[in-house]
Structure formats: structure tokens, C-alpha cells
Amino acid sequence: MHGSGTGGEAQPTNGSGVDQEFLALERELAVFLRRARAQSGEMAREVHPELEPAAYGLFVRLDEAGPQRATDLAGYFGVGKATMSRQLRALEELGLVARDPDPADGRASLVRLTEEGQGRFRHVRDARRERYVRKLAGWDRAEVAELARLLHHFNVRAAEG
């Protein structure tokens, strides 16, 4: 049995109609995601020992995009409003994020990193980047750029559904 490949030619499958490329992608993503979750947990604990792994992604988003509504953060990460509220409340209690009135809508608030949160996050982020530089030292810069481009493309498509 054959499926269609990227070039239009028939590609071998595993007998169940699933292209080998997609099985390989699933396997590699599973390993990648498991390692990423473990690393995010380590990074979050380095920012503050009481943080859960999901907090690190929130720091990345708030640092890159600036103040955000909680509902926008929930949508960006694909989690429910209650989950986001709980995560933000924990960060607020630790003094790592704060809420300010949204100038566009006084009923809403914008979540931002505090100076303390930003400083702690950036210190850990810089150390993480140094680890990536060391791990990928043998890679050509174009390969690193291509990996980043493909992951971005994948993330955009995944967010679209």
C-alpha cells in the first residue's frame, strides 16, 4: 500500500496506510516534547523554586510580546481561562507578574512581567541560550535558522487548528 509523499510520488507506508514520514515525525516530536517539558520545568524552577513548568512559556510570551490580556494568553497557549487565571494568580503572588488596567477597555487588565520577574526570567533565558549554542556548536547557522523557521511554521499551523 502506498500513500502520497511531498513530491507527488507514491511513498511506502507501514501497511496501515500511514506514511513512514509521519510516523517518524510523530516519534521525534514525542521525544522533543518530553524533553522540552522537562527543560521547561527546570527553567521555571530556576526562575523561582515554586513555579510550575508552564510558567516558563508565559515568561517567554510576556517578555517578547509585552503586556497581554489573560484571555489572549489563554488563546495563545490553547488553555482554558480558568487554567490561565490560576497560573497567573500564582505568578502574581510571587511578585513576578502584575496586572494593570487596559487603556483600551477599563474593565479588562493587562498582565506584564514585573521588574523582578523580568530580571529572573532573562537571567535564566540567557543561560538556556548558552546551552543551545553549545549543543548546536557543530551545526551550520543556516541549519539552525532552518530549524527555527520550520518550528515556527509548525507552531503557526498548529495554532490554526
Protein backbone atom coordinates (compact mmCIF):
# COMPACT_ATOMS: atom_id res chain seq x y z
CA MET A 1 0.00 0.00 0.00
CA HIS A 2 1.27 3.47 -0.84
CA GLY A 3 0.40 7.00 0.33
CA SER A 4 1.25 10.25 -1.35
CA GLY A 5 4.53 11.91 -0.49
CA THR A 6 5.52 15.52 -0.65
CA GLY A 7 6.71 15.26 -4.23
CA GLY A 8 3.54 13.66 -5.54
CA GLU A 9 5.16 10.22 -5.90
CA ALA A 10 3.83 7.19 -4.02
CA GLN A 11 5.55 6.66 -0.67
CA PRO A 12 5.79 3.37 1.24
CA THR A 13 3.57 3.02 4.29
CA ASN A 14 3.68 0.70 7.27
CA GLY A 15 0.82 -1.44 5.97
CA SER A 16 -1.84 0.54 7.82
CA GLY A 17 -1.91 3.37 5.29
CA VAL A 18 0.27 5.73 7.37
CA ASP A 19 3.24 7.32 5.65
CA GLN A 20 6.57 6.49 7.28
CA GLU A 21 7.47 10.20 7.29
CA PHE A 22 4.51 10.99 9.54
CA LEU A 23 5.32 8.11 11.87
CA ALA A 24 8.90 9.38 12.10
CA LEU A 25 7.63 12.92 12.73
CA GLU A 26 5.30 11.70 15.49
CA ARG A 27 8.14 9.75 17.14
CA GLU A 28 10.59 12.67 17.01
CA LEU A 29 8.00 15.18 18.23
CA ALA A 30 7.12 12.90 21.16
CA VAL A 31 10.79 12.78 22.24
CA PHE A 32 11.23 16.51 21.62
CA LEU A 33 8.11 17.44 23.62
CA ARG A 34 9.02 15.19 26.52
CA ARG A 35 12.46 16.77 26.74
CA ALA A 36 11.03 20.27 26.28
CA ARG A 37 8.56 19.74 29.15
CA ALA A 38 11.37 18.55 31.41
CA GLN A 39 13.54 21.52 30.42
CA SER A 40 10.70 23.99 30.92
CA GLY A 41 10.23 22.60 34.41
CA GLU A 42 13.92 23.08 35.16
CA MET A 43 13.90 26.60 33.71
CA ALA A 44 10.76 27.57 35.63
CA ARG A 45 12.28 26.33 38.89
CA GLU A 46 15.43 28.32 38.16
CA VAL A 47 13.30 31.47 37.81
CA HIS A 48 11.60 30.62 41.12
CA PRO A 49 11.57 27.28 43.00
CA GLU A 50 7.75 27.32 43.36
CA LEU A 51 6.93 27.70 39.65
CA GLU A 52 5.26 25.01 37.59
CA PRO A 53 6.70 24.15 34.13
CA ALA A 54 4.02 26.05 32.17
CA ALA A 55 5.16 29.31 33.77
CA TYR A 56 8.30 29.47 31.67
CA GLY A 57 6.30 29.75 28.44
CA LEU A 58 4.29 32.59 29.97
CA PHE A 59 7.52 34.45 30.73
CA VAL A 60 8.72 33.96 27.16
CA ARG A 61 5.45 35.28 25.71
CA LEU A 62 5.20 38.28 28.06
CA ASP A 63 8.84 39.20 27.51
CA GLU A 64 8.53 39.03 23.71
CA ALA A 65 5.01 40.42 23.18
CA GLY A 66 4.69 42.76 26.14
CA PRO A 67 1.59 43.14 28.31
CA GLN A 68 -1.27 40.85 27.33
CA ARG A 69 -4.83 40.17 28.42
CA ALA A 70 -5.23 36.87 30.27
CA THR A 71 -7.77 35.75 27.65
CA ASP A 72 -5.25 36.40 24.87
CA LEU A 73 -2.61 34.39 26.74
CA ALA A 74 -5.07 31.52 27.22
CA GLY A 75 -5.86 31.56 23.50
CA TYR A 76 -2.20 31.73 22.51
CA PHE A 77 -1.35 28.66 24.62
CA GLY A 78 -4.57 26.81 23.88
CA VAL A 79 -5.64 26.51 27.53
CA GLY A 80 -8.84 27.44 29.30
CA LYS A 81 -9.39 30.78 31.02
CA ALA A 82 -9.57 29.08 34.44
CA THR A 83 -6.19 27.40 33.91
CA MET A 84 -4.61 30.67 32.80
CA SER A 85 -6.17 32.52 35.74
CA ARG A 86 -4.74 30.01 38.19
CA GLN A 87 -1.26 30.19 36.63
CA LEU A 88 -1.26 33.99 36.59
CA ARG A 89 -2.52 34.20 40.16
CA ALA A 90 0.42 32.04 41.31
CA LEU A 91 2.89 34.28 39.43
CA GLU A 92 1.25 37.39 40.84
CA GLU A 93 1.50 36.06 44.41
CA LEU A 94 5.24 35.56 43.86
CA GLY A 95 5.59 39.14 42.60
CA LEU A 96 6.72 38.03 39.12
CA VAL A 97 3.77 39.45 37.15
CA ALA A 98 1.36 42.33 37.76
CA ARG A 99 -1.92 43.47 36.26
CA ASP A 100 -2.57 46.99 35.01
CA PRO A 101 -5.84 48.44 33.65
CA ASP A 102 -6.16 48.01 29.89
CA PRO A 103 -6.23 51.52 28.39
CA ALA A 104 -8.43 50.21 25.56
CA ASP A 105 -11.01 48.73 27.96
CA GLY A 106 -11.14 49.81 31.61
CA ARG A 107 -12.98 46.60 32.57
CA ALA A 108 -10.04 44.45 31.47
CA SER A 109 -6.47 44.26 32.66
CA LEU A 110 -3.13 43.62 31.02
CA VAL A 111 -0.65 41.17 32.53
CA ARG A 112 3.00 42.21 32.47
CA LEU A 113 6.26 41.00 33.93
CA THR A 114 7.40 42.90 37.00
CA GLU A 115 10.99 44.09 37.17
CA GLU A 116 11.74 41.13 39.44
CA GLY A 117 10.05 38.69 37.05
CA GLN A 118 11.78 40.12 34.01
CA GLY A 119 15.19 40.07 35.66
CA ARG A 120 14.86 36.48 36.88
CA PHE A 121 13.47 35.31 33.53
CA ARG A 122 16.16 36.97 31.42
CA HIS A 123 18.94 35.56 33.58
CA VAL A 124 17.60 32.02 33.07
CA ARG A 125 16.81 32.62 29.38
CA ASP A 126 20.37 33.79 28.69
CA ALA A 127 21.77 30.68 30.39
CA ARG A 128 19.42 28.50 28.33
CA ARG A 129 20.53 30.15 25.09
CA GLU A 130 24.14 29.48 26.01
CA ARG A 131 23.27 25.78 26.38
CA TYR A 132 21.67 25.79 22.92
CA VAL A 133 24.76 27.47 21.48
CA ARG A 134 26.95 24.74 22.99
CA LYS A 135 24.67 21.87 21.93
CA LEU A 136 24.39 23.17 18.37
CA ALA A 137 28.02 24.27 18.03
CA GLY A 138 28.58 21.77 15.21
CA TRP A 139 25.58 22.97 13.24
CA ASP A 140 25.81 25.44 10.41
CA ARG A 141 23.99 28.73 11.18
CA ALA A 142 21.74 28.11 8.17
CA GLU A 143 20.65 24.77 9.69
CA VAL A 144 19.79 26.47 12.98
CA ALA A 145 17.83 29.14 11.10
CA GLU A 146 16.03 26.46 9.06
CA LEU A 147 15.10 24.51 12.20
CA ALA A 148 13.72 27.70 13.78
CA ARG A 149 11.81 28.52 10.59
CA LEU A 150 10.27 25.05 10.37
CA LEU A 151 9.31 25.00 14.06
CA HIS A 152 7.71 28.44 13.68
CA HIS A 153 5.79 27.24 10.62
CA PHE A 154 4.65 24.16 12.54
CA ASN A 155 3.57 26.25 15.56
CA VAL A 156 1.59 28.70 13.41
CA ARG A 157 -0.18 25.84 11.63
CA ALA A 158 -0.84 24.03 14.91
CA ALA A 159 -2.44 27.18 16.36
CA GLU A 160 -4.73 27.44 13.33
CA GLY A 161 -6.17 24.03 14.10
